[in-house]
Amino acid sequence: MKMSKTKKLTTIGMLCALSYAAVVIGRIPIVLFLKYDPKDVIIVIGGLIFGPLTALAVTVIVAVAQMFTISGTGLLGCLMNIVSSCSFACTASLIYKKRRKLSGAMLGLFSGLGCQAAVMMLWNYLIAPIYMGYPREAIAALLLPAFLPFNLIKGGLNTAITLLLYKPVVVALRRANLIPSEIMPGGGELGKHGFGEHNGRVRLNFGVAAAALLIIVACGLLILFLNDVI
């Protein structure tokens, strides 16, 4: 059974709304003026379900909404948000689309993490001085001590939270009849190998959960270190 366009648009609309809400209410200071929000988790889950074009569409819609409502960085800030989120979510969902297994999901998420960190280092060096009003030398001095660890923390948290939430979100959407049953992991997909469902309950593979929690703890320790707490 193929998914109707109405249901898909409804689901994508929900993802956009949740992503925007994550930006508005979920921002957490990490280091200096850099803040983390979990919108990329929602975007990449949409990409894992529907493909990289959906991740791109949600990214653009949310970034434009940010630009006209809560952002003070204008068009360049909007482009930065698109580049940042797409480098993570589109990379992860593209790899997973070609290899629909737990290994493909892990490879995709970690590749997205690395891609996002590298792309944002380049962006911050070349473009950030223009809209932030800082000399390029000042931005360059922050690349290694601030921007790089921030993006690694951001990507690590996004990866870990996605691993923990992907299957429960898919199950919830399926039960709400917003996605067809075949999107339920099977035939080698992430949920079959990383998760299970027994008597209607979602079961999380111990290895996946342990890896996700280890990443979260490592990111937490790095945040404390960057803020001279430890």
N, C-alpha and C. Protein backbone atom coordinates (compact mmCIF):
# COMPACT_ATOMS: atom_id res chain seq x y z
N MET A 1 0.84 -1.19 0.00
CA MET A 1 0.00 0.00 0.00
C MET A 1 0.88 1.24 0.00
N LYS A 2 0.67 2.09 -0.99
CA LYS A 2 1.46 3.31 -1.06
C LYS A 2 0.85 4.39 -0.18
N MET A 3 1.70 5.25 0.27
CA MET A 3 1.27 6.33 1.15
C MET A 3 0.60 7.43 0.33
N SER A 4 -0.55 7.90 0.78
CA SER A 4 -1.23 8.98 0.06
C SER A 4 -0.45 10.28 0.23
N LYS A 5 -0.59 11.17 -0.78
CA LYS A 5 0.11 12.45 -0.72
C LYS A 5 -0.36 13.28 0.47
N THR A 6 -1.65 13.18 0.79
CA THR A 6 -2.20 13.96 1.90
C THR A 6 -1.56 13.54 3.22
N LYS A 7 -1.44 12.25 3.44
CA LYS A 7 -0.84 11.77 4.68
C LYS A 7 0.64 12.14 4.76
N LYS A 8 1.32 12.04 3.62
CA LYS A 8 2.74 12.39 3.62
C LYS A 8 2.93 13.87 3.91
N LEU A 9 2.12 14.71 3.27
CA LEU A 9 2.21 16.15 3.52
C LEU A 9 1.87 16.49 4.97
N THR A 10 0.88 15.77 5.52
CA THR A 10 0.52 15.98 6.92
C THR A 10 1.69 15.64 7.84
N THR A 11 2.33 14.51 7.56
CA THR A 11 3.46 14.08 8.38
C THR A 11 4.63 15.04 8.25
N ILE A 12 4.92 15.48 7.03
CA ILE A 12 6.01 16.43 6.82
C ILE A 12 5.70 17.75 7.50
N GLY A 13 4.44 18.18 7.45
CA GLY A 13 4.04 19.39 8.15
C GLY A 13 4.26 19.29 9.64
N MET A 14 3.95 18.12 10.21
CA MET A 14 4.21 17.89 11.64
C MET A 14 5.69 17.98 11.95
N LEU A 15 6.52 17.39 11.07
CA LEU A 15 7.96 17.44 11.27
C LEU A 15 8.47 18.88 11.24
N CYS A 16 7.94 19.67 10.32
CA CYS A 16 8.33 21.09 10.24
C CYS A 16 7.95 21.83 11.52
N ALA A 17 6.73 21.59 11.99
CA ALA A 17 6.26 22.27 13.20
C ALA A 17 7.10 21.87 14.42
N LEU A 18 7.40 20.59 14.53
CA LEU A 18 8.20 20.12 15.66
C LEU A 18 9.63 20.67 15.59
N SER A 19 10.19 20.71 14.37
CA SER A 19 11.54 21.24 14.21
C SER A 19 11.60 22.71 14.59
N TYR A 20 10.61 23.47 14.17
CA TYR A 20 10.58 24.89 14.51
C TYR A 20 10.41 25.07 16.02
N ALA A 21 9.54 24.28 16.63
CA ALA A 21 9.35 24.37 18.08
C ALA A 21 10.64 24.03 18.82
N ALA A 22 11.41 23.06 18.28
CA ALA A 22 12.68 22.70 18.91
C ALA A 22 13.65 23.86 18.92
N VAL A 23 13.62 24.67 17.85
CA VAL A 23 14.48 25.85 17.79
C VAL A 23 14.04 26.91 18.78
N VAL A 24 12.73 27.10 18.87
CA VAL A 24 12.19 28.19 19.70
C VAL A 24 12.37 27.91 21.19
N ILE A 25 12.09 26.68 21.61
CA ILE A 25 12.07 26.39 23.05
C ILE A 25 13.18 25.46 23.53
N GLY A 26 13.96 24.91 22.60
CA GLY A 26 14.91 23.88 23.01
C GLY A 26 16.37 24.28 22.94
N ARG A 27 16.68 25.57 22.87
CA ARG A 27 18.06 26.01 22.71
C ARG A 27 18.82 25.95 24.03
N ILE A 28 19.98 25.29 24.00
CA ILE A 28 20.79 25.08 25.20
C ILE A 28 22.18 25.65 24.97
N PRO A 29 22.66 26.57 25.81
CA PRO A 29 24.02 27.10 25.65
C PRO A 29 25.06 25.98 25.81
N ILE A 30 26.05 25.97 24.90
CA ILE A 30 27.09 24.96 24.96
C ILE A 30 28.43 25.59 25.32
N VAL A 31 28.89 26.52 24.48
CA VAL A 31 30.16 27.19 24.74
C VAL A 31 30.09 28.58 24.10
N LEU A 32 30.56 29.59 24.85
CA LEU A 32 30.50 30.97 24.40
C LEU A 32 29.07 31.33 23.99
N PHE A 33 28.88 31.82 22.76
CA PHE A 33 27.55 32.22 22.29
C PHE A 33 26.86 31.12 21.49
N LEU A 34 27.47 29.94 21.41
CA LEU A 34 26.96 28.84 20.59
C LEU A 34 25.94 28.02 21.39
N LYS A 35 24.79 27.79 20.78
CA LYS A 35 23.70 27.07 21.44
C LYS A 35 23.26 25.87 20.61
N TYR A 36 22.90 24.81 21.31
CA TYR A 36 22.41 23.59 20.66
C TYR A 36 20.89 23.54 20.70
N ASP A 37 20.28 23.12 19.61
CA ASP A 37 18.86 22.79 19.61
C ASP A 37 18.68 21.47 18.86
N PRO A 38 17.65 20.70 19.20
CA PRO A 38 17.50 19.35 18.64
C PRO A 38 16.72 19.28 17.33
N LYS A 39 16.62 20.38 16.60
CA LYS A 39 15.80 20.34 15.38
C LYS A 39 16.34 19.34 14.36
N ASP A 40 17.67 19.17 14.30
CA ASP A 40 18.24 18.25 13.31
C ASP A 40 17.85 16.80 13.59
N VAL A 41 17.54 16.49 14.84
CA VAL A 41 17.06 15.14 15.16
C VAL A 41 15.75 14.88 14.42
N ILE A 42 14.84 15.83 14.48
CA ILE A 42 13.54 15.68 13.83
C ILE A 42 13.71 15.65 12.32
N ILE A 43 14.59 16.50 11.81
CA ILE A 43 14.82 16.55 10.37
C ILE A 43 15.41 15.24 9.86
N VAL A 44 16.38 14.70 10.57
CA VAL A 44 17.02 13.47 10.09
C VAL A 44 16.09 12.27 10.23
N ILE A 45 15.23 12.26 11.24
CA ILE A 45 14.24 11.18 11.34
C ILE A 45 13.30 11.22 10.13
N GLY A 46 12.88 12.43 9.75
CA GLY A 46 12.08 12.55 8.54
C GLY A 46 12.83 12.04 7.32
N GLY A 47 14.13 12.35 7.25
CA GLY A 47 14.93 11.87 6.13
C GLY A 47 15.10 10.37 6.13
N LEU A 48 15.28 9.77 7.29
CA LEU A 48 15.40 8.31 7.37
C LEU A 48 14.11 7.63 6.95
N ILE A 49 12.97 8.24 7.25
CA ILE A 49 11.68 7.66 6.89
C ILE A 49 11.38 7.84 5.41
N PHE A 50 11.52 9.07 4.91
CA PHE A 50 11.05 9.41 3.57
C PHE A 50 12.16 9.65 2.55
N GLY A 51 13.39 9.85 3.00
CA GLY A 51 14.47 10.09 2.06
C GLY A 51 15.07 11.48 2.20
N PRO A 52 16.23 11.71 1.55
CA PRO A 52 16.96 12.97 1.70
C PRO A 52 16.20 14.20 1.19
N LEU A 53 15.34 14.05 0.18
CA LEU A 53 14.60 15.20 -0.32
C LEU A 53 13.64 15.75 0.73
N THR A 54 13.07 14.86 1.54
CA THR A 54 12.21 15.31 2.63
C THR A 54 13.03 16.06 3.67
N ALA A 55 14.22 15.54 3.99
CA ALA A 55 15.10 16.24 4.93
C ALA A 55 15.44 17.63 4.41
N LEU A 56 15.69 17.74 3.12
CA LEU A 56 15.99 19.03 2.52
C LEU A 56 14.78 19.97 2.61
N ALA A 57 13.60 19.45 2.29
CA ALA A 57 12.39 20.28 2.31
C ALA A 57 12.11 20.81 3.71
N VAL A 58 12.18 19.94 4.71
CA VAL A 58 11.92 20.37 6.09
C VAL A 58 12.96 21.39 6.53
N THR A 59 14.21 21.16 6.18
CA THR A 59 15.29 22.09 6.53
C THR A 59 15.02 23.48 5.98
N VAL A 60 14.68 23.56 4.71
CA VAL A 60 14.45 24.86 4.07
C VAL A 60 13.25 25.56 4.68
N ILE A 61 12.16 24.84 4.89
CA ILE A 61 10.95 25.45 5.45
C ILE A 61 11.23 26.02 6.84
N VAL A 62 11.89 25.24 7.68
CA VAL A 62 12.17 25.68 9.05
C VAL A 62 13.16 26.84 9.06
N ALA A 63 14.18 26.78 8.21
CA ALA A 63 15.17 27.85 8.16
C ALA A 63 14.54 29.17 7.72
N VAL A 64 13.65 29.11 6.72
CA VAL A 64 12.97 30.33 6.27
C VAL A 64 12.05 30.87 7.36
N ALA A 65 11.35 29.95 8.06
CA ALA A 65 10.49 30.38 9.17
C ALA A 65 11.31 31.05 10.26
N GLN A 66 12.48 30.51 10.56
CA GLN A 66 13.38 31.13 11.54
C GLN A 66 13.78 32.53 11.10
N MET A 67 14.13 32.67 9.83
CA MET A 67 14.62 33.95 9.32
C MET A 67 13.59 35.06 9.51
N PHE A 68 12.31 34.72 9.31
CA PHE A 68 11.27 35.75 9.37
C PHE A 68 10.68 35.93 10.77
N THR A 69 11.11 35.09 11.73
CA THR A 69 10.50 35.19 13.07
C THR A 69 11.52 35.45 14.17
N ILE A 70 12.45 34.53 14.38
CA ILE A 70 13.29 34.62 15.57
C ILE A 70 14.76 34.90 15.29
N SER A 71 15.18 34.82 14.04
CA SER A 71 16.59 34.99 13.72
C SER A 71 16.91 36.45 13.44
N GLY A 72 18.09 36.86 13.86
CA GLY A 72 18.53 38.22 13.57
C GLY A 72 19.69 38.26 12.60
N THR A 73 19.97 37.13 11.93
CA THR A 73 21.14 37.04 11.05
C THR A 73 20.76 37.11 9.57
N GLY A 74 19.47 37.29 9.27
CA GLY A 74 19.05 37.53 7.90
C GLY A 74 19.26 36.36 6.96
N LEU A 75 19.48 36.67 5.69
CA LEU A 75 19.58 35.65 4.66
C LEU A 75 20.79 34.75 4.87
N LEU A 76 21.92 35.32 5.28
CA LEU A 76 23.10 34.50 5.50
C LEU A 76 22.89 33.52 6.65
N GLY A 77 22.20 33.95 7.69
CA GLY A 77 21.88 33.04 8.78
C GLY A 77 20.96 31.93 8.33
N CYS A 78 20.01 32.27 7.46
CA CYS A 78 19.11 31.26 6.90
C CYS A 78 19.90 30.24 6.09
N LEU A 79 20.81 30.72 5.25
CA LEU A 79 21.64 29.81 4.46
C LEU A 79 22.51 28.95 5.36
N MET A 80 23.03 29.54 6.44
CA MET A 80 23.84 28.77 7.38
C MET A 80 23.04 27.62 7.97
N ASN A 81 21.80 27.90 8.38
CA ASN A 81 20.96 26.86 8.95
C ASN A 81 20.69 25.76 7.94
N ILE A 82 20.45 26.14 6.69
CA ILE A 82 20.20 25.14 5.65
C ILE A 82 21.44 24.28 5.40
N VAL A 83 22.58 24.94 5.27
CA VAL A 83 23.83 24.20 5.02
C VAL A 83 24.14 23.26 6.18
N SER A 84 23.99 23.75 7.41
CA SER A 84 24.31 22.94 8.58
C SER A 84 23.41 21.72 8.69
N SER A 85 22.10 21.94 8.63
CA SER A 85 21.17 20.83 8.81
C SER A 85 21.24 19.83 7.65
N CYS A 86 21.38 20.34 6.43
CA CYS A 86 21.44 19.45 5.27
C CYS A 86 22.71 18.60 5.27
N SER A 87 23.82 19.20 5.69
CA SER A 87 25.07 18.44 5.71
C SER A 87 24.97 17.24 6.64
N PHE A 88 24.18 17.37 7.69
CA PHE A 88 23.98 16.24 8.60
C PHE A 88 22.84 15.34 8.13
N ALA A 89 21.64 15.89 8.00
CA ALA A 89 20.45 15.08 7.76
C ALA A 89 20.42 14.48 6.37
N CYS A 90 20.77 15.24 5.35
CA CYS A 90 20.73 14.71 3.98
C CYS A 90 21.81 13.66 3.76
N THR A 91 22.99 13.89 4.34
CA THR A 91 24.06 12.89 4.24
C THR A 91 23.63 11.58 4.89
N ALA A 92 23.09 11.67 6.11
CA ALA A 92 22.68 10.46 6.83
C ALA A 92 21.56 9.72 6.10
N SER A 93 20.55 10.44 5.64
CA SER A 93 19.41 9.79 5.01
C SER A 93 19.76 9.24 3.63
N LEU A 94 20.69 9.89 2.91
CA LEU A 94 21.12 9.39 1.61
C LEU A 94 21.85 8.06 1.75
N ILE A 95 22.75 7.97 2.71
CA ILE A 95 23.49 6.72 2.94
C ILE A 95 22.54 5.63 3.41
N TYR A 96 21.62 5.97 4.31
CA TYR A 96 20.67 4.97 4.81
C TYR A 96 19.73 4.50 3.70
N LYS A 97 19.38 5.39 2.77
CA LYS A 97 18.52 5.01 1.66
C LYS A 97 19.18 3.93 0.80
N LYS A 98 20.50 3.99 0.69
CA LYS A 98 21.23 3.02 -0.12
C LYS A 98 21.57 1.75 0.66
N ARG A 99 21.57 1.84 1.98
CA ARG A 99 21.92 0.68 2.81
C ARG A 99 20.99 0.66 4.01
N ARG A 100 19.83 0.06 3.85
CA ARG A 100 18.80 0.12 4.88
C ARG A 100 19.00 -0.97 5.93
N LYS A 101 20.07 -0.81 6.65
CA LYS A 101 20.40 -1.69 7.75
C LYS A 101 20.89 -0.82 8.90
N LEU A 102 21.04 -1.42 10.07
CA LEU A 102 21.57 -0.68 11.20
C LEU A 102 22.95 -0.12 10.89
N SER A 103 23.77 -0.93 10.21
CA SER A 103 25.10 -0.45 9.85
C SER A 103 25.01 0.75 8.92
N GLY A 104 24.03 0.75 8.02
CA GLY A 104 23.84 1.89 7.12
C GLY A 104 23.39 3.12 7.88
N ALA A 105 22.51 2.93 8.86
CA ALA A 105 22.06 4.06 9.67
C ALA A 105 23.21 4.64 10.49
N MET A 106 24.01 3.76 11.09
CA MET A 106 25.14 4.23 11.89
C MET A 106 26.16 4.94 11.00
N LEU A 107 26.46 4.34 9.85
CA LEU A 107 27.40 4.96 8.92
C LEU A 107 26.88 6.31 8.45
N GLY A 108 25.59 6.36 8.15
CA GLY A 108 24.99 7.61 7.69
C GLY A 108 25.04 8.70 8.74
N LEU A 109 24.67 8.36 9.97
CA LEU A 109 24.64 9.35 11.04
C LEU A 109 26.05 9.87 11.37
N PHE A 110 27.01 8.96 11.45
CA PHE A 110 28.36 9.41 11.76
C PHE A 110 29.00 10.13 10.58
N SER A 111 28.64 9.74 9.35
CA SER A 111 29.12 10.48 8.19
C SER A 111 28.51 11.87 8.18
N GLY A 112 27.23 11.96 8.53
CA GLY A 112 26.58 13.27 8.63
C GLY A 112 27.23 14.14 9.69
N LEU A 113 27.59 13.52 10.81
CA LEU A 113 28.28 14.25 11.88
C LEU A 113 29.58 14.84 11.36
N GLY A 114 30.40 14.00 10.71
CA GLY A 114 31.68 14.47 10.19
C GLY A 114 31.52 15.52 9.10
N CYS A 115 30.54 15.30 8.21
CA CYS A 115 30.30 16.25 7.13
C CYS A 115 29.87 17.60 7.69
N GLN A 116 28.97 17.58 8.67
CA GLN A 116 28.49 18.82 9.26
C GLN A 116 29.63 19.59 9.93
N ALA A 117 30.47 18.87 10.69
CA ALA A 117 31.58 19.53 11.38
C ALA A 117 32.54 20.18 10.38
N ALA A 118 32.86 19.44 9.29
CA ALA A 118 33.80 19.97 8.30
C ALA A 118 33.20 21.15 7.55
N VAL A 119 31.95 21.01 7.13
CA VAL A 119 31.30 22.09 6.37
C VAL A 119 31.17 23.35 7.21
N MET A 120 30.81 23.18 8.48
CA MET A 120 30.61 24.37 9.32
C MET A 120 31.93 25.03 9.71
N MET A 121 33.00 24.27 9.77
CA MET A 121 34.32 24.89 9.99
C MET A 121 34.63 25.82 8.82
N LEU A 122 34.40 25.34 7.59
CA LEU A 122 34.65 26.14 6.41
C LEU A 122 33.72 27.35 6.37
N TRP A 123 32.43 27.11 6.68
CA TRP A 123 31.46 28.21 6.68
C TRP A 123 31.85 29.29 7.70
N ASN A 124 32.19 28.86 8.90
CA ASN A 124 32.53 29.83 9.94
C ASN A 124 33.77 30.64 9.59
N TYR A 125 34.70 30.03 8.90
CA TYR A 125 35.91 30.76 8.52
C TYR A 125 35.63 31.75 7.39
N LEU A 126 34.85 31.32 6.40
CA LEU A 126 34.66 32.15 5.21
C LEU A 126 33.50 33.13 5.33
N ILE A 127 32.39 32.70 5.92
CA ILE A 127 31.15 33.48 5.87
C ILE A 127 30.79 34.14 7.19
N ALA A 128 31.04 33.45 8.31
CA ALA A 128 30.61 33.99 9.60
C ALA A 128 31.09 35.42 9.87
N PRO A 129 32.33 35.79 9.52
CA PRO A 129 32.76 37.17 9.79
C PRO A 129 31.89 38.22 9.11
N ILE A 130 31.24 37.86 8.00
CA ILE A 130 30.45 38.83 7.25
C ILE A 130 29.22 39.26 8.03
N TYR A 131 28.48 38.26 8.59
CA TYR A 131 27.22 38.61 9.26
C TYR A 131 27.37 38.72 10.78
N MET A 132 28.48 38.24 11.33
CA MET A 132 28.68 38.37 12.76
C MET A 132 29.38 39.69 13.11
N GLY A 133 30.03 40.30 12.11
CA GLY A 133 30.71 41.56 12.35
C GLY A 133 32.03 41.42 13.07
N TYR A 134 32.60 40.20 13.07
CA TYR A 134 33.88 39.99 13.72
C TYR A 134 34.98 39.91 12.66
N PRO A 135 36.21 40.34 12.99
CA PRO A 135 37.32 40.14 12.05
C PRO A 135 37.54 38.65 11.81
N ARG A 136 37.97 38.31 10.59
CA ARG A 136 38.20 36.90 10.28
C ARG A 136 39.25 36.29 11.20
N GLU A 137 40.20 37.07 11.62
CA GLU A 137 41.24 36.55 12.53
C GLU A 137 40.63 36.11 13.86
N ALA A 138 39.64 36.88 14.34
CA ALA A 138 38.98 36.52 15.60
C ALA A 138 38.19 35.23 15.44
N ILE A 139 37.51 35.07 14.30
CA ILE A 139 36.76 33.84 14.05
C ILE A 139 37.72 32.65 13.90
N ALA A 140 38.82 32.86 13.18
CA ALA A 140 39.79 31.79 12.97
C ALA A 140 40.36 31.30 14.31
N ALA A 141 40.54 32.23 15.25
CA ALA A 141 41.09 31.87 16.56
C ALA A 141 40.11 31.01 17.36
N LEU A 142 38.82 31.04 16.99
CA LEU A 142 37.80 30.27 17.71
C LEU A 142 37.48 28.93 17.04
N LEU A 143 38.03 28.68 15.86
CA LEU A 143 37.67 27.48 15.11
C LEU A 143 37.93 26.20 15.90
N LEU A 144 39.15 26.04 16.38
CA LEU A 144 39.51 24.80 17.09
C LEU A 144 39.01 24.76 18.53
N PRO A 145 39.14 25.84 19.30
CA PRO A 145 38.70 25.75 20.70
C PRO A 145 37.19 25.85 20.90
N ALA A 146 36.44 26.35 19.92
CA ALA A 146 35.00 26.56 20.13
C ALA A 146 34.14 25.94 19.04
N PHE A 147 34.33 26.34 17.78
CA PHE A 147 33.44 25.89 16.72
C PHE A 147 33.54 24.39 16.46
N LEU A 148 34.74 23.85 16.41
CA LEU A 148 34.89 22.42 16.15
C LEU A 148 34.27 21.57 17.25
N PRO A 149 34.63 21.78 18.53
CA PRO A 149 33.99 20.97 19.57
C PRO A 149 32.49 21.17 19.63
N PHE A 150 32.01 22.39 19.39
CA PHE A 150 30.56 22.62 19.39
C PHE A 150 29.87 21.76 18.34
N ASN A 151 30.41 21.74 17.12
CA ASN A 151 29.77 20.96 16.06
C ASN A 151 29.90 19.46 16.28
N LEU A 152 30.98 19.03 16.91
CA LEU A 152 31.10 17.61 17.26
C LEU A 152 30.09 17.24 18.34
N ILE A 153 29.92 18.12 19.32
CA ILE A 153 28.91 17.88 20.36
C ILE A 153 27.51 17.86 19.74
N LYS A 154 27.24 18.84 18.90
CA LYS A 154 25.93 18.92 18.24
C LYS A 154 25.65 17.67 17.43
N GLY A 155 26.61 17.25 16.61
CA GLY A 155 26.41 16.05 15.80
C GLY A 155 26.31 14.80 16.65
N GLY A 156 27.10 14.73 17.72
CA GLY A 156 27.04 13.56 18.61
C GLY A 156 25.69 13.43 19.29
N LEU A 157 25.18 14.54 19.81
CA LEU A 157 23.88 14.51 20.46
C LEU A 157 22.78 14.17 19.45
N ASN A 158 22.85 14.75 18.26
CA ASN A 158 21.85 14.44 17.24
C ASN A 158 21.87 12.97 16.86
N THR A 159 23.08 12.42 16.73
CA THR A 159 23.21 11.00 16.39
C THR A 159 22.63 10.11 17.48
N ALA A 160 23.01 10.38 18.72
CA ALA A 160 22.56 9.55 19.84
C ALA A 160 21.05 9.63 20.03
N ILE A 161 20.51 10.84 20.01
CA ILE A 161 19.07 10.99 20.22
C ILE A 161 18.28 10.36 19.09
N THR A 162 18.81 10.46 17.86
CA THR A 162 18.13 9.82 16.72
C THR A 162 18.08 8.31 16.90
N LEU A 163 19.18 7.71 17.33
CA LEU A 163 19.20 6.26 17.55
C LEU A 163 18.18 5.84 18.61
N LEU A 164 17.98 6.69 19.62
CA LEU A 164 17.03 6.36 20.67
C LEU A 164 15.58 6.59 20.25
N LEU A 165 15.33 7.56 19.38
CA LEU A 165 13.96 7.97 19.08
C LEU A 165 13.40 7.44 17.76
N TYR A 166 14.26 7.01 16.85
CA TYR A 166 13.78 6.67 15.50
C TYR A 166 12.64 5.66 15.52
N LYS A 167 12.87 4.52 16.15
CA LYS A 167 11.84 3.48 16.13
C LYS A 167 10.56 3.89 16.85
N PRO A 168 10.63 4.47 18.07
CA PRO A 168 9.39 4.91 18.71
C PRO A 168 8.60 5.90 17.86
N VAL A 169 9.30 6.79 17.16
CA VAL A 169 8.60 7.76 16.31
C VAL A 169 7.92 7.05 15.15
N VAL A 170 8.63 6.11 14.52
CA VAL A 170 8.04 5.35 13.41
C VAL A 170 6.82 4.58 13.87
N VAL A 171 6.93 3.95 15.03
CA VAL A 171 5.80 3.18 15.57
C VAL A 171 4.60 4.10 15.83
N ALA A 172 4.87 5.26 16.42
CA ALA A 172 3.78 6.20 16.72
C ALA A 172 3.10 6.69 15.45
N LEU A 173 3.90 7.00 14.42
CA LEU A 173 3.33 7.47 13.15
C LEU A 173 2.54 6.37 12.46
N ARG A 174 3.02 5.15 12.57
CA ARG A 174 2.30 4.04 11.95
C ARG A 174 0.97 3.81 12.65
N ARG A 175 0.98 3.86 13.98
CA ARG A 175 -0.26 3.64 14.72
C ARG A 175 -1.25 4.77 14.49
N ALA A 176 -0.73 5.97 14.19
CA ALA A 176 -1.62 7.09 13.86
C ALA A 176 -2.07 7.04 12.41
N ASN A 177 -1.64 5.99 11.70
CA ASN A 177 -2.00 5.79 10.30
C ASN A 177 -1.49 6.92 9.41
N LEU A 178 -0.35 7.51 9.79
CA LEU A 178 0.25 8.57 8.99
C LEU A 178 1.32 8.06 8.05
N ILE A 179 1.83 6.86 8.31
CA ILE A 179 2.76 6.21 7.39
C ILE A 179 2.31 4.77 7.22
N PRO A 180 2.55 4.18 6.05
CA PRO A 180 2.13 2.79 5.81
C PRO A 180 2.95 1.80 6.61
N SER A 181 2.41 0.62 6.78
CA SER A 181 3.06 -0.39 7.62
C SER A 181 4.39 -0.83 7.08
N GLU A 182 4.60 -0.74 5.74
CA GLU A 182 5.88 -1.21 5.21
C GLU A 182 7.04 -0.30 5.58
N ILE A 183 6.74 0.93 6.03
CA ILE A 183 7.82 1.78 6.52
C ILE A 183 8.31 1.28 7.87
N MET A 184 7.47 0.49 8.54
CA MET A 184 7.91 -0.17 9.77
C MET A 184 9.13 -1.00 9.44
N PRO A 185 10.24 -0.83 10.14
CA PRO A 185 11.47 -1.49 9.77
C PRO A 185 11.29 -2.98 9.54
N GLY A 186 11.81 -3.43 8.46
CA GLY A 186 11.74 -4.83 8.08
C GLY A 186 12.64 -5.03 6.88
N GLY A 187 12.92 -6.27 6.55
CA GLY A 187 13.76 -6.52 5.40
C GLY A 187 15.14 -5.91 5.53
N GLY A 188 15.66 -5.87 6.76
CA GLY A 188 17.01 -5.37 6.96
C GLY A 188 17.09 -3.92 7.37
N GLU A 189 15.99 -3.24 7.64
CA GLU A 189 16.03 -1.83 8.00
C GLU A 189 16.48 -1.64 9.44
N LEU A 190 16.64 -0.38 9.80
CA LEU A 190 17.18 -0.01 11.11
C LEU A 190 16.42 -0.66 12.25
N GLY A 191 15.11 -0.61 12.20
CA GLY A 191 14.34 -1.14 13.32
C GLY A 191 14.48 -2.62 13.49
N LYS A 192 14.59 -3.36 12.39
CA LYS A 192 14.70 -4.81 12.50
C LYS A 192 16.00 -5.22 13.18
N HIS A 193 17.08 -4.52 12.86
CA HIS A 193 18.37 -4.91 13.40
C HIS A 193 18.72 -4.17 14.69
N GLY A 194 18.20 -2.97 14.85
CA GLY A 194 18.55 -2.21 16.03
C GLY A 194 17.46 -2.20 17.08
N PHE A 195 16.24 -2.55 16.69
CA PHE A 195 15.11 -2.48 17.57
C PHE A 195 14.24 -3.70 17.34
N GLY A 196 13.27 -3.85 18.21
CA GLY A 196 12.28 -4.89 18.00
C GLY A 196 10.96 -4.46 18.58
N GLU A 197 9.91 -5.16 18.21
CA GLU A 197 8.59 -4.85 18.75
C GLU A 197 7.98 -6.15 19.22
N HIS A 198 7.55 -6.17 20.47
CA HIS A 198 7.00 -7.38 21.06
C HIS A 198 5.72 -7.03 21.79
N ASN A 199 4.62 -7.70 21.39
CA ASN A 199 3.31 -7.43 22.00
C ASN A 199 2.97 -5.94 21.98
N GLY A 200 3.30 -5.30 20.85
CA GLY A 200 2.96 -3.88 20.70
C GLY A 200 3.90 -2.93 21.39
N ARG A 201 4.93 -3.45 22.04
CA ARG A 201 5.88 -2.59 22.74
C ARG A 201 7.19 -2.51 21.97
N VAL A 202 7.77 -1.33 21.99
CA VAL A 202 9.04 -1.13 21.30
C VAL A 202 10.17 -1.62 22.19
N ARG A 203 11.05 -2.43 21.61
CA ARG A 203 12.22 -2.89 22.32
C ARG A 203 13.46 -2.33 21.65
N LEU A 204 14.33 -1.76 22.45
CA LEU A 204 15.55 -1.15 21.94
C LEU A 204 16.72 -2.08 22.16
N ASN A 205 17.47 -2.35 21.10
CA ASN A 205 18.65 -3.19 21.20
C ASN A 205 19.61 -2.62 22.23
N PHE A 206 20.12 -3.47 23.09
CA PHE A 206 20.98 -3.01 24.18
C PHE A 206 22.22 -2.31 23.64
N GLY A 207 22.82 -2.87 22.59
CA GLY A 207 24.02 -2.27 22.03
C GLY A 207 23.77 -0.87 21.49
N VAL A 208 22.64 -0.69 20.80
CA VAL A 208 22.29 0.63 20.26
C VAL A 208 22.07 1.62 21.40
N ALA A 209 21.31 1.19 22.42
CA ALA A 209 21.04 2.08 23.56
C ALA A 209 22.32 2.44 24.29
N ALA A 210 23.19 1.45 24.50
CA ALA A 210 24.44 1.69 25.22
C ALA A 210 25.33 2.66 24.44
N ALA A 211 25.40 2.47 23.12
CA ALA A 211 26.22 3.37 22.30
C ALA A 211 25.68 4.79 22.35
N ALA A 212 24.36 4.92 22.25
CA ALA A 212 23.74 6.25 22.28
C ALA A 212 23.99 6.94 23.61
N LEU A 213 23.81 6.22 24.70
CA LEU A 213 24.02 6.81 26.02
C LEU A 213 25.48 7.17 26.26
N LEU A 214 26.38 6.35 25.74
CA LEU A 214 27.82 6.63 25.86
C LEU A 214 28.17 7.93 25.13
N ILE A 215 27.59 8.11 23.94
CA ILE A 215 27.83 9.35 23.19
C ILE A 215 27.30 10.55 23.96
N ILE A 216 26.11 10.43 24.53
CA ILE A 216 25.52 11.54 25.29
C ILE A 216 26.40 11.89 26.50
N VAL A 217 26.87 10.88 27.21
CA VAL A 217 27.75 11.12 28.36
C VAL A 217 29.04 11.80 27.92
N ALA A 218 29.63 11.32 26.81
CA ALA A 218 30.86 11.92 26.31
C ALA A 218 30.65 13.38 25.93
N CYS A 219 29.52 13.66 25.29
CA CYS A 219 29.21 15.04 24.91
C CYS A 219 29.02 15.91 26.16
N GLY A 220 28.35 15.36 27.17
CA GLY A 220 28.15 16.09 28.41
C GLY A 220 29.45 16.43 29.09
N LEU A 221 30.37 15.47 29.12
CA LEU A 221 31.68 15.72 29.73
C LEU A 221 32.46 16.77 28.95
N LEU A 222 32.36 16.72 27.63
CA LEU A 222 33.06 17.70 26.81
C LEU A 222 32.50 19.11 27.04
N ILE A 223 31.17 19.20 27.20
CA ILE A 223 30.55 20.51 27.50
C ILE A 223 31.08 21.06 28.82
N LEU A 224 31.15 20.20 29.83
CA LEU A 224 31.67 20.63 31.13
C LEU A 224 33.12 21.08 31.04
N PHE A 225 33.89 20.34 30.23
CA PHE A 225 35.31 20.70 30.06
C PHE A 225 35.45 22.05 29.36
N LEU A 226 34.66 22.27 28.32
CA LEU A 226 34.75 23.53 27.57
C LEU A 226 34.35 24.73 28.43
N ASN A 227 33.50 24.48 29.43
CA ASN A 227 33.06 25.58 30.30
C ASN A 227 33.82 25.61 31.62
N ASP A 228 34.96 24.91 31.65
CA ASP A 228 35.88 24.91 32.80
C ASP A 228 35.22 24.44 34.09
N VAL A 229 34.24 23.52 33.95
CA VAL A 229 33.63 22.94 35.13
C VAL A 229 34.46 21.77 35.64
N ILE A 230 35.08 21.04 34.70
CA ILE A 230 35.96 19.93 35.08
C ILE A 230 37.33 20.12 34.42
